Amino acid sequence: MIGAGMLLVSCAKEDSNDVNQDKIWTEYELFYNQNDDKTHAIARFRFGGPTGTLLELSDSTGASVTFDGTVMPYNSWWGAHHLEFAGNVTTGTFLYTNTNGTQYTNSVPSGAESVAFPIGFDTIVKSQSETFAWAGTAIAANQHIALFVGSWTWGDDALFYTDALGATNLVMGVNAKSNLALGTATVYMDRVVKNASINGTPEGGIIRYKYRPTNAQVEVVP
């Protein structure tokens, strides 16, 4: 999801040692952000499912997670175990060891692709539906593209999404644009390839690669 990578706050968490190890849901992500030319490796653990309590892995009981062999420390800003790298990293492997010593290995899914805003994309007309055609290849299996339009005012935003196989554009409808404030807005776009069949606990989880091109600044007009 695009919003989760945009608004990062410190969240309450528990120690992974305090919960049933088979009830830990895992989320792995390799996220390249062209805005700062960094790749973020993220491993997030929750108790009971994707909306459950955040967990920090307990070093004292042997729990840990690595990315390509490097231990990932917990970062409160991300609400996850986190590493960052220069440039665009598209491959790698996460290794999670729980407090029971059980290990789960997951590699970033293949199919990582870039995307860009089309030349001349500088205006959004609030009162009209518009077709947004990104610069890049059509959507392949297990991919989606999300477009988020936001401003400094909370709630004055819009989210557009498509995972239609073979799609080269998405429609920005007037209902979705109804909350947009007139004036300057920032547009974020993410292209994601995701795998929901991971090596993990019975609770499950996901692993994905996400590419975010340089944000676009647009003018929202009536």
Protein backbone atom coordinates (compact mmCIF):
# COMPACT_ATOMS: atom_id res chain seq x y z
CA MET A 1 0.00 0.00 0.00
CA ILE A 2 1.20 3.45 -0.80
CA GLY A 3 0.09 5.26 2.32
CA ALA A 4 2.00 3.03 4.69
CA GLY A 5 5.30 4.08 3.13
CA MET A 6 4.42 7.77 3.21
CA LEU A 7 3.25 8.42 6.75
CA LEU A 8 5.63 6.74 9.17
CA VAL A 9 5.14 7.20 12.89
CA SER A 10 6.41 5.64 16.07
CA CYS A 11 4.01 2.84 17.09
CA ALA A 12 3.53 0.86 20.29
CA LYS A 13 5.14 -2.54 20.07
CA GLU A 14 5.65 -5.71 22.06
CA ASP A 15 8.53 -8.15 22.40
CA SER A 16 8.18 -11.12 20.06
CA ASN A 17 9.16 -13.40 22.95
CA ASP A 18 5.83 -12.62 24.67
CA VAL A 19 3.57 -14.18 22.02
CA ASN A 20 2.83 -17.54 20.41
CA GLN A 21 5.51 -17.88 17.72
CA ASP A 22 3.08 -19.61 15.34
CA LYS A 23 0.78 -16.55 15.44
CA ILE A 24 3.35 -14.10 14.08
CA TRP A 25 2.44 -12.62 10.69
CA THR A 26 5.41 -11.45 8.60
CA GLU A 27 5.78 -8.68 6.04
CA TYR A 28 8.96 -8.31 4.02
CA GLU A 29 9.60 -5.46 1.61
CA LEU A 30 12.40 -4.15 -0.57
CA PHE A 31 11.45 -0.53 -1.31
CA TYR A 32 13.36 1.66 -3.76
CA ASN A 33 12.59 5.38 -3.47
CA GLN A 34 13.98 7.39 -6.38
CA ASN A 35 13.38 10.62 -4.44
CA ASP A 36 16.44 9.92 -2.30
CA ASP A 37 17.97 7.13 -4.43
CA LYS A 38 17.87 4.66 -1.54
CA THR A 39 16.57 1.13 -1.15
CA HIS A 40 14.97 0.17 2.16
CA ALA A 41 14.87 -3.44 3.33
CA ILE A 42 11.95 -3.79 5.73
CA ALA A 43 10.88 -6.74 7.88
CA ARG A 44 7.72 -6.15 9.90
CA PHE A 45 6.23 -8.61 12.38
CA ARG A 46 2.71 -8.53 13.86
CA PHE A 47 0.86 -10.75 16.27
CA GLY A 48 -2.26 -12.40 14.85
CA GLY A 49 -2.37 -10.93 11.35
CA PRO A 50 -1.69 -7.87 9.16
CA THR A 51 -3.46 -5.46 11.55
CA GLY A 52 -2.17 -7.03 14.77
CA THR A 53 0.23 -5.65 17.36
CA LEU A 54 3.69 -4.71 16.09
CA LEU A 55 6.48 -6.89 17.39
CA GLU A 56 10.18 -6.31 17.92
CA LEU A 57 12.32 -9.43 17.67
CA SER A 58 14.06 -10.22 20.96
CA ASP A 59 17.85 -10.55 20.71
CA SER A 60 18.02 -11.99 24.22
CA THR A 61 16.04 -15.07 23.17
CA GLY A 62 17.79 -15.59 19.84
CA ALA A 63 15.13 -14.08 17.58
CA SER A 64 16.51 -12.10 14.63
CA VAL A 65 16.04 -11.19 10.99
CA THR A 66 18.72 -10.62 8.38
CA PHE A 67 18.79 -9.36 4.81
CA ASP A 68 21.50 -10.97 2.69
CA GLY A 69 23.31 -11.93 5.88
CA THR A 70 23.20 -8.51 7.59
CA VAL A 71 21.28 -8.26 10.86
CA MET A 72 18.36 -5.83 10.64
CA PRO A 73 17.93 -3.67 13.77
CA TYR A 74 14.52 -2.46 14.89
CA ASN A 75 13.65 1.08 13.75
CA SER A 76 10.73 2.80 15.54
CA TRP A 77 10.28 5.28 12.69
CA TRP A 78 9.47 2.44 10.29
CA GLY A 79 7.75 0.25 12.89
CA ALA A 80 9.91 -2.57 11.56
CA HIS A 81 13.38 -4.03 11.36
CA HIS A 82 15.15 -1.97 8.72
CA LEU A 83 18.29 -1.51 6.63
CA GLU A 84 19.00 0.99 3.85
CA PHE A 85 21.25 0.84 0.82
CA ALA A 86 22.46 3.29 -1.83
CA GLY A 87 20.83 2.97 -5.23
CA ASN A 88 18.24 0.51 -6.52
CA VAL A 89 18.56 -2.99 -5.06
CA THR A 90 16.10 -5.41 -6.65
CA THR A 91 17.08 -8.80 -5.21
CA GLY A 92 17.91 -10.27 -1.84
CA THR A 93 16.90 -12.76 0.82
CA PHE A 94 15.37 -12.33 4.27
CA LEU A 95 16.11 -14.91 6.97
CA TYR A 96 13.88 -14.82 10.07
CA THR A 97 14.73 -16.86 13.16
CA ASN A 98 12.11 -17.02 15.92
CA THR A 99 12.62 -17.59 19.64
CA ASN A 100 12.19 -21.35 19.16
CA GLY A 101 15.08 -21.43 16.70
CA THR A 102 12.81 -22.07 13.70
CA GLN A 103 14.08 -20.36 10.53
CA TYR A 104 12.14 -19.02 7.56
CA THR A 105 13.87 -17.92 4.35
CA ASN A 106 12.20 -15.73 1.71
CA SER A 107 13.67 -14.13 -1.40
CA VAL A 108 12.34 -10.96 -2.99
CA PRO A 109 10.00 -11.92 -5.86
CA SER A 110 11.25 -11.60 -9.42
CA GLY A 111 9.59 -9.16 -11.79
CA ALA A 112 10.84 -5.90 -10.25
CA GLU A 113 10.19 -3.08 -12.71
CA SER A 114 10.54 0.69 -12.78
CA VAL A 115 7.85 3.21 -13.65
CA ALA A 116 7.73 6.98 -14.24
CA PHE A 117 5.27 9.81 -14.57
CA PRO A 118 4.47 10.78 -18.17
CA ILE A 119 6.06 13.93 -19.56
CA GLY A 120 3.76 16.91 -19.10
CA PHE A 121 1.81 15.51 -16.15
CA ASP A 122 1.35 18.73 -14.19
CA THR A 123 -2.42 19.27 -13.83
CA ILE A 124 -5.37 17.36 -12.37
CA VAL A 125 -8.88 18.51 -13.29
CA LYS A 126 -11.08 17.82 -10.27
CA SER A 127 -14.41 17.94 -12.09
CA GLN A 128 -13.51 15.46 -14.85
CA SER A 129 -12.56 11.81 -15.03
CA GLU A 130 -9.08 11.42 -16.49
CA THR A 131 -7.03 8.55 -17.87
CA PHE A 132 -3.55 8.40 -16.36
CA ALA A 133 -1.07 6.46 -18.52
CA TRP A 134 2.23 5.83 -16.76
CA ALA A 135 5.58 5.67 -18.53
CA GLY A 136 6.57 2.03 -18.35
CA THR A 137 5.52 -1.47 -19.24
CA ALA A 138 2.07 -3.00 -18.83
CA ILE A 139 1.12 -4.66 -15.55
CA ALA A 140 2.30 -8.27 -15.33
CA ALA A 141 1.21 -11.08 -13.02
CA ASN A 142 1.34 -10.25 -9.28
CA GLN A 143 1.92 -6.55 -9.97
CA HIS A 144 -0.09 -3.44 -9.22
CA ILE A 145 0.28 0.31 -9.52
CA ALA A 146 -1.03 2.77 -6.94
CA LEU A 147 -1.25 6.54 -7.35
CA PHE A 148 -1.69 8.81 -4.32
CA VAL A 149 -2.48 12.53 -4.57
CA GLY A 150 -1.95 14.46 -1.35
CA SER A 151 -1.58 17.91 0.16
CA TRP A 152 -0.56 19.33 3.54
CA THR A 153 -4.19 19.23 4.71
CA TRP A 154 -5.27 15.93 6.27
CA GLY A 155 -8.05 14.23 4.28
CA ASP A 156 -7.56 16.30 1.12
CA ASP A 157 -6.22 13.35 -0.84
CA ALA A 158 -7.10 10.62 -3.31
CA LEU A 159 -5.91 7.10 -4.04
CA PHE A 160 -6.09 5.27 -7.38
CA TYR A 161 -5.14 1.64 -7.97
CA THR A 162 -5.06 -1.02 -10.64
CA ASP A 163 -3.84 -4.61 -10.77
CA ALA A 164 -5.49 -5.43 -14.11
CA LEU A 165 -3.22 -7.76 -16.07
CA GLY A 166 -1.94 -5.99 -19.17
CA ALA A 167 -3.11 -2.54 -18.07
CA THR A 168 -1.10 0.48 -19.21
CA ASN A 169 -3.24 3.13 -17.51
CA LEU A 170 -5.79 3.75 -14.79
CA VAL A 171 -8.84 5.99 -14.56
CA MET A 172 -8.90 8.87 -12.07
CA GLY A 173 -12.64 9.21 -11.44
CA VAL A 174 -14.40 12.31 -10.11
CA ASN A 175 -15.71 10.54 -7.00
CA ALA A 176 -12.20 9.59 -5.93
CA LYS A 177 -11.03 13.16 -6.60
CA SER A 178 -13.84 14.76 -4.60
CA ASN A 179 -11.71 15.40 -1.48
CA LEU A 180 -8.84 17.05 -3.33
CA ALA A 181 -8.12 20.65 -2.41
CA LEU A 182 -7.51 23.10 -5.22
CA GLY A 183 -3.93 24.22 -5.63
CA THR A 184 -0.57 22.49 -5.49
CA ALA A 185 -0.46 18.80 -4.61
CA THR A 186 2.17 16.08 -4.55
CA VAL A 187 1.57 12.84 -6.46
CA TYR A 188 3.25 9.60 -5.37
CA MET A 189 3.28 6.45 -7.50
CA ASP A 190 4.30 2.94 -6.50
CA ARG A 191 4.80 -0.08 -8.72
CA VAL A 192 4.70 -3.29 -6.69
CA VAL A 193 5.33 -6.96 -7.35
CA LYS A 194 4.07 -9.11 -4.48
CA ASN A 195 4.04 -12.73 -3.38
CA ALA A 196 1.55 -13.81 -0.71
CA SER A 197 2.74 -17.43 -0.65
CA ILE A 198 5.72 -17.20 1.67
CA ASN A 199 7.78 -19.51 3.83
CA GLY A 200 6.39 -18.59 7.21
CA THR A 201 4.17 -19.44 10.16
CA PRO A 202 0.57 -20.68 9.81
CA GLU A 203 -0.43 -17.02 10.23
CA GLY A 204 1.09 -16.24 6.82
CA GLY A 205 2.51 -13.04 5.42
CA ILE A 206 3.69 -11.29 2.25
CA ILE A 207 6.91 -10.29 0.50
CA ARG A 208 7.19 -7.59 -2.14
CA TYR A 209 9.42 -5.24 -4.11
CA LYS A 210 8.24 -1.66 -4.47
CA TYR A 211 9.54 1.02 -6.84
CA ARG A 212 8.64 4.68 -6.27
CA PRO A 213 9.73 7.19 -8.95
CA THR A 214 10.45 10.85 -8.23
CA ASN A 215 7.25 12.48 -6.99
CA ALA A 216 5.30 14.77 -9.30
CA GLN A 217 4.12 18.26 -8.33
CA VAL A 218 0.78 19.13 -9.90
CA GLU A 219 -1.87 21.83 -9.81
CA VAL A 220 -5.38 20.69 -8.94
CA VAL A 221 -7.88 22.86 -10.83
CA PRO A 222 -11.73 22.91 -10.76
